[in-house]
């Protein structure tokens, strides 16, 4: 018990000394950074420059004369940025004698190339009327529906529309019934059947044998 009390008393005595030494070390690392921000080509003051400590949400702005002042630590990285100028980075030296450090930061103009702008004179009344009359007005929904429901469009869709379930089943059952009706015998050949030839000619006139992958008739492309 006496040993524990002895260690406790020693800690009480040494704690203020250690805290004071740590405070003195922190105090020695604090630096008042101040200076002026100017243009590199004409040495004009640059106002409203953002001076930020990297990695910290802390900074300041230069005034109308480009002068700034901020408290930093030795070894901090300071970023200078402003619209129209290239950003600059400055490292505060760790071996600064004292607690003040002044700099003159020169900012280089950042050249921005914009796309070419063509300026034309105002059109005359005749040009305006010509362009206005030749302007294609988009169709409304009613006109789009009318174009997409004309006869040629419906015919193309009907020719390329796949069979639904009912039609597919009916075709399959009809094929099976025909096959079973001639089970055990040779099915008749319709090459000499006049009725089959008449049906073939009607189908040919209707266009049933046309290429179904042909290009469809022109339709409105504005249909969404």
Protein backbone atom coordinates (compact mmCIF):
# COMPACT_ATOMS: atom_id res chain seq x y z
CA UNK A 1 0.00 0.00 0.00
CA UNK A 2 2.82 2.40 0.87
CA UNK A 3 4.49 1.56 -2.47
CA UNK A 4 1.32 2.49 -4.39
CA UNK A 5 1.04 5.79 -2.49
CA UNK A 6 4.69 6.52 -3.28
CA UNK A 7 4.14 5.98 -7.03
CA UNK A 8 1.02 8.14 -6.88
CA UNK A 9 2.89 11.04 -5.25
CA UNK A 10 5.69 10.77 -7.84
CA UNK A 11 3.11 10.88 -10.67
CA UNK A 12 1.47 13.96 -9.16
CA UNK A 13 4.82 15.71 -9.04
CA UNK A 14 5.95 14.75 -12.57
CA UNK A 15 2.57 15.32 -14.34
CA UNK A 16 2.73 19.14 -14.31
CA UNK A 17 6.33 19.02 -15.54
CA UNK A 18 5.41 16.76 -18.48
CA UNK A 19 2.34 18.86 -19.32
CA UNK A 20 4.41 22.03 -19.26
CA UNK A 21 7.03 20.48 -21.55
CA UNK A 22 4.32 19.34 -23.98
CA UNK A 23 2.73 22.80 -23.96
CA UNK A 24 6.09 24.43 -24.61
CA UNK A 25 6.66 22.07 -27.55
CA UNK A 26 3.21 22.83 -29.01
CA UNK A 27 3.71 26.55 -28.44
CA UNK A 28 7.00 26.42 -30.32
CA UNK A 29 5.31 24.71 -33.32
CA UNK A 30 2.60 27.37 -33.75
CA UNK A 31 3.40 29.89 -36.50
CA UNK A 32 1.70 33.11 -37.56
CA UNK A 33 1.73 32.86 -41.37
CA UNK A 34 1.15 36.16 -43.15
CA UNK A 35 1.95 37.72 -46.48
CA UNK A 36 0.51 39.05 -49.72
CA UNK A 37 -0.84 37.35 -52.84
CA UNK A 38 0.08 38.96 -56.18
CA UNK A 39 -0.07 38.18 -59.88
CA UNK A 40 3.14 36.75 -61.34
CA UNK A 41 3.11 38.86 -64.50
CA UNK A 42 2.12 42.33 -63.24
CA UNK A 43 2.56 42.09 -59.44
CA UNK A 44 -1.01 43.22 -58.85
CA UNK A 45 -2.77 42.29 -55.62
CA UNK A 46 -5.18 39.36 -55.92
CA UNK A 47 -8.17 39.69 -53.58
CA UNK A 48 -10.44 36.89 -52.31
CA UNK A 49 -7.79 34.16 -52.64
CA UNK A 50 -8.68 31.03 -50.66
CA UNK A 51 -5.87 30.04 -48.26
CA UNK A 52 -6.62 26.61 -46.76
CA UNK A 53 -4.64 24.27 -44.50
CA UNK A 54 -4.54 20.91 -46.27
CA UNK A 55 -6.34 18.16 -44.41
CA UNK A 56 -8.09 20.60 -42.09
CA UNK A 57 -11.35 22.48 -42.38
CA UNK A 58 -9.63 25.76 -41.62
CA UNK A 59 -8.50 28.69 -43.74
CA UNK A 60 -8.89 32.36 -44.62
CA UNK A 61 -9.21 34.79 -47.56
CA UNK A 62 -6.95 37.55 -48.76
CA UNK A 63 -8.34 41.11 -48.50
CA UNK A 64 -8.65 43.70 -51.27
CA UNK A 65 -4.89 44.39 -51.11
CA UNK A 66 -4.11 40.67 -51.29
CA UNK A 67 -2.89 40.58 -47.67
CA UNK A 68 -3.68 37.54 -45.50
CA UNK A 69 -2.83 36.17 -42.07
CA UNK A 70 -3.50 32.74 -40.56
CA UNK A 71 -2.25 30.63 -37.65
CA UNK A 72 -0.66 27.36 -38.75
CA UNK A 73 1.73 24.72 -37.46
CA UNK A 74 5.24 24.04 -38.65
CA UNK A 75 5.13 21.47 -41.44
CA UNK A 76 1.57 22.30 -42.53
CA UNK A 77 0.73 22.34 -46.25
CA UNK A 78 -1.03 25.55 -47.34
CA UNK A 79 -3.12 25.67 -50.52
CA UNK A 80 -3.73 28.90 -52.45
CA UNK A 81 -6.58 28.88 -54.97
CA UNK A 82 -8.56 31.49 -56.86
CA UNK A 83 -10.78 31.52 -59.94
CA UNK A 84 -8.73 32.34 -63.03
CA UNK A 85 -5.40 31.32 -61.47
CA UNK A 86 -3.55 28.04 -61.17
CA UNK A 87 -3.60 26.63 -57.61
CA UNK A 88 -0.40 26.82 -55.57
CA UNK A 89 0.85 24.78 -52.62
CA UNK A 90 3.29 26.00 -49.95
CA UNK A 91 4.85 23.93 -47.13
CA UNK A 92 5.60 25.74 -43.91
CA UNK A 93 9.22 24.84 -42.98
CA UNK A 94 9.69 22.92 -39.74
CA UNK A 95 12.93 24.72 -38.83
CA UNK A 96 11.56 28.27 -38.69
CA UNK A 97 13.26 30.32 -35.99
CA UNK A 98 10.54 31.93 -33.92
CA UNK A 99 6.81 31.88 -34.46
CA UNK A 100 6.31 34.10 -37.51
CA UNK A 101 6.71 33.38 -41.20
CA UNK A 102 5.98 35.74 -44.10
CA UNK A 103 5.70 34.92 -47.81
CA UNK A 104 4.87 36.64 -51.09
CA UNK A 105 2.78 34.22 -53.09
CA UNK A 106 2.69 34.78 -56.86
CA UNK A 107 -0.32 33.43 -58.77
CA UNK A 108 -0.06 32.43 -62.44
CA UNK A 109 -3.04 33.12 -64.70
CA UNK A 110 -4.83 29.97 -65.80
CA UNK A 111 -5.68 30.28 -69.51
CA UNK A 112 -9.07 28.89 -70.47
CA UNK A 113 -9.93 28.30 -74.13
CA UNK A 114 -13.61 28.62 -74.99
CA UNK A 115 -15.34 27.27 -78.06
CA UNK A 116 -15.55 29.63 -81.02
CA UNK A 117 -18.68 31.77 -81.16
CA UNK A 118 -20.11 32.74 -84.53
CA UNK A 119 -22.04 36.01 -84.48
CA UNK A 120 -24.50 36.55 -87.30
CA UNK A 121 -26.65 39.52 -88.14
CA UNK A 122 -30.35 39.44 -87.43
CA UNK A 123 -32.26 37.82 -90.32
CA UNK A 124 -34.39 39.95 -92.56
CA UNK A 125 -38.17 39.68 -92.71
CA UNK A 126 -38.00 37.61 -95.91
CA UNK A 127 -35.47 35.20 -94.39
CA UNK A 128 -37.53 34.83 -91.24
CA UNK A 129 -40.72 34.09 -93.20
CA UNK A 130 -38.86 31.56 -95.38
CA UNK A 131 -37.34 29.73 -92.40
CA UNK A 132 -40.60 29.86 -90.47
CA UNK A 133 -42.56 28.31 -93.31
CA UNK A 134 -39.92 25.61 -93.87
CA UNK A 135 -39.65 24.65 -90.23
CA UNK A 136 -40.94 21.15 -89.55
CA UNK A 137 -43.41 21.18 -86.70
CA UNK A 138 -43.42 17.93 -84.67
CA UNK A 139 -46.62 15.93 -84.89
CA UNK A 140 -48.88 15.75 -81.88
CA UNK A 141 -50.04 12.45 -80.40
CA UNK A 142 -53.19 12.34 -82.53
CA UNK A 143 -51.24 12.78 -85.77
CA UNK A 144 -48.67 10.16 -84.70
CA UNK A 145 -51.47 7.69 -83.97
CA UNK A 146 -53.09 8.42 -87.35
CA UNK A 147 -49.85 7.78 -89.26
CA UNK A 148 -49.12 4.58 -87.38
CA UNK A 149 -52.59 3.18 -88.13
CA UNK A 150 -52.72 3.59 -91.88
CA UNK A 151 -53.40 0.61 -94.12
CA UNK A 152 -49.78 -0.06 -95.15
CA UNK A 153 -48.58 0.04 -91.57
CA UNK A 154 -51.30 -2.34 -90.36
CA UNK A 155 -50.59 -4.71 -93.24
CA UNK A 156 -46.88 -4.81 -92.44
CA UNK A 157 -47.52 -5.43 -88.74
CA UNK A 158 -50.06 -8.17 -89.53
CA UNK A 159 -47.61 -9.90 -91.86
CA UNK A 160 -44.79 -9.90 -89.28
CA UNK A 161 -46.81 -10.39 -86.13
CA UNK A 162 -46.09 -13.79 -84.56
CA UNK A 163 -48.97 -16.15 -83.82
CA UNK A 164 -50.49 -16.06 -80.38
CA UNK A 165 -51.14 -19.17 -78.29
CA UNK A 166 -54.58 -19.85 -79.69
CA UNK A 167 -53.44 -19.62 -83.31
CA UNK A 168 -50.39 -21.77 -82.67
CA UNK A 169 -52.48 -24.50 -81.01
CA UNK A 170 -55.05 -24.42 -83.79
CA UNK A 171 -52.35 -24.79 -86.45
CA UNK A 172 -50.73 -27.67 -84.56
CA UNK A 173 -54.04 -29.54 -84.09
CA UNK A 174 -54.95 -29.00 -87.74
CA UNK A 175 -51.59 -30.36 -88.84
CA UNK A 176 -51.92 -33.38 -86.56
CA UNK A 177 -55.47 -34.08 -87.75
CA UNK A 178 -54.37 -33.98 -91.37
CA UNK A 179 -51.45 -36.27 -90.65
CA UNK A 180 -53.64 -38.79 -88.79
CA UNK A 181 -56.29 -38.76 -91.49
CA UNK A 182 -53.74 -40.13 -93.96
CA UNK A 183 -52.18 -42.55 -91.49
CA UNK A 184 -51.10 -45.75 -93.24
CA UNK A 185 -51.42 -44.34 -96.74
CA UNK A 186 -49.67 -41.89 -99.04
CA UNK A 187 -51.07 -38.33 -98.80
CA UNK A 188 -52.47 -36.97 -102.06
CA UNK A 189 -50.30 -34.65 -104.17
CA UNK A 190 -51.94 -31.29 -104.98
CA UNK A 191 -49.66 -30.39 -107.87
CA UNK A 192 -52.41 -31.39 -110.32
CA UNK A 193 -55.31 -30.21 -108.16
CA UNK A 194 -57.02 -27.20 -109.85
CA UNK A 195 -58.50 -26.06 -106.54
CA UNK A 196 -55.02 -25.95 -104.98
CA UNK A 197 -53.72 -23.95 -107.95
CA UNK A 198 -56.60 -21.50 -107.63
CA UNK A 199 -55.81 -20.99 -103.95
CA UNK A 200 -52.11 -20.56 -104.78
CA UNK A 201 -52.90 -17.83 -107.36
CA UNK A 202 -55.12 -16.00 -104.86
CA UNK A 203 -52.37 -16.12 -102.24
CA UNK A 204 -49.86 -14.82 -104.77
CA UNK A 205 -52.09 -11.86 -105.64
CA UNK A 206 -52.64 -11.08 -101.98
CA UNK A 207 -48.88 -10.93 -101.46
CA UNK A 208 -48.72 -13.82 -98.97
CA UNK A 209 -45.37 -14.94 -100.43
CA UNK A 210 -43.63 -11.56 -100.23
CA UNK A 211 -40.47 -11.25 -98.17
CA UNK A 212 -41.65 -10.52 -94.65
CA UNK A 213 -38.28 -9.02 -93.70
CA UNK A 214 -38.60 -6.25 -96.29
CA UNK A 215 -38.24 -2.65 -95.22
CA UNK A 216 -41.49 -1.44 -93.65
CA UNK A 217 -43.33 1.55 -95.09
CA UNK A 218 -42.30 4.97 -93.78
CA UNK A 219 -43.77 5.65 -90.36
CA UNK A 220 -43.45 8.46 -87.91
CA UNK A 221 -40.23 8.21 -85.90
CA UNK A 222 -41.46 10.57 -83.21
CA UNK A 223 -43.61 7.87 -81.68
CA UNK A 224 -42.25 7.22 -78.21
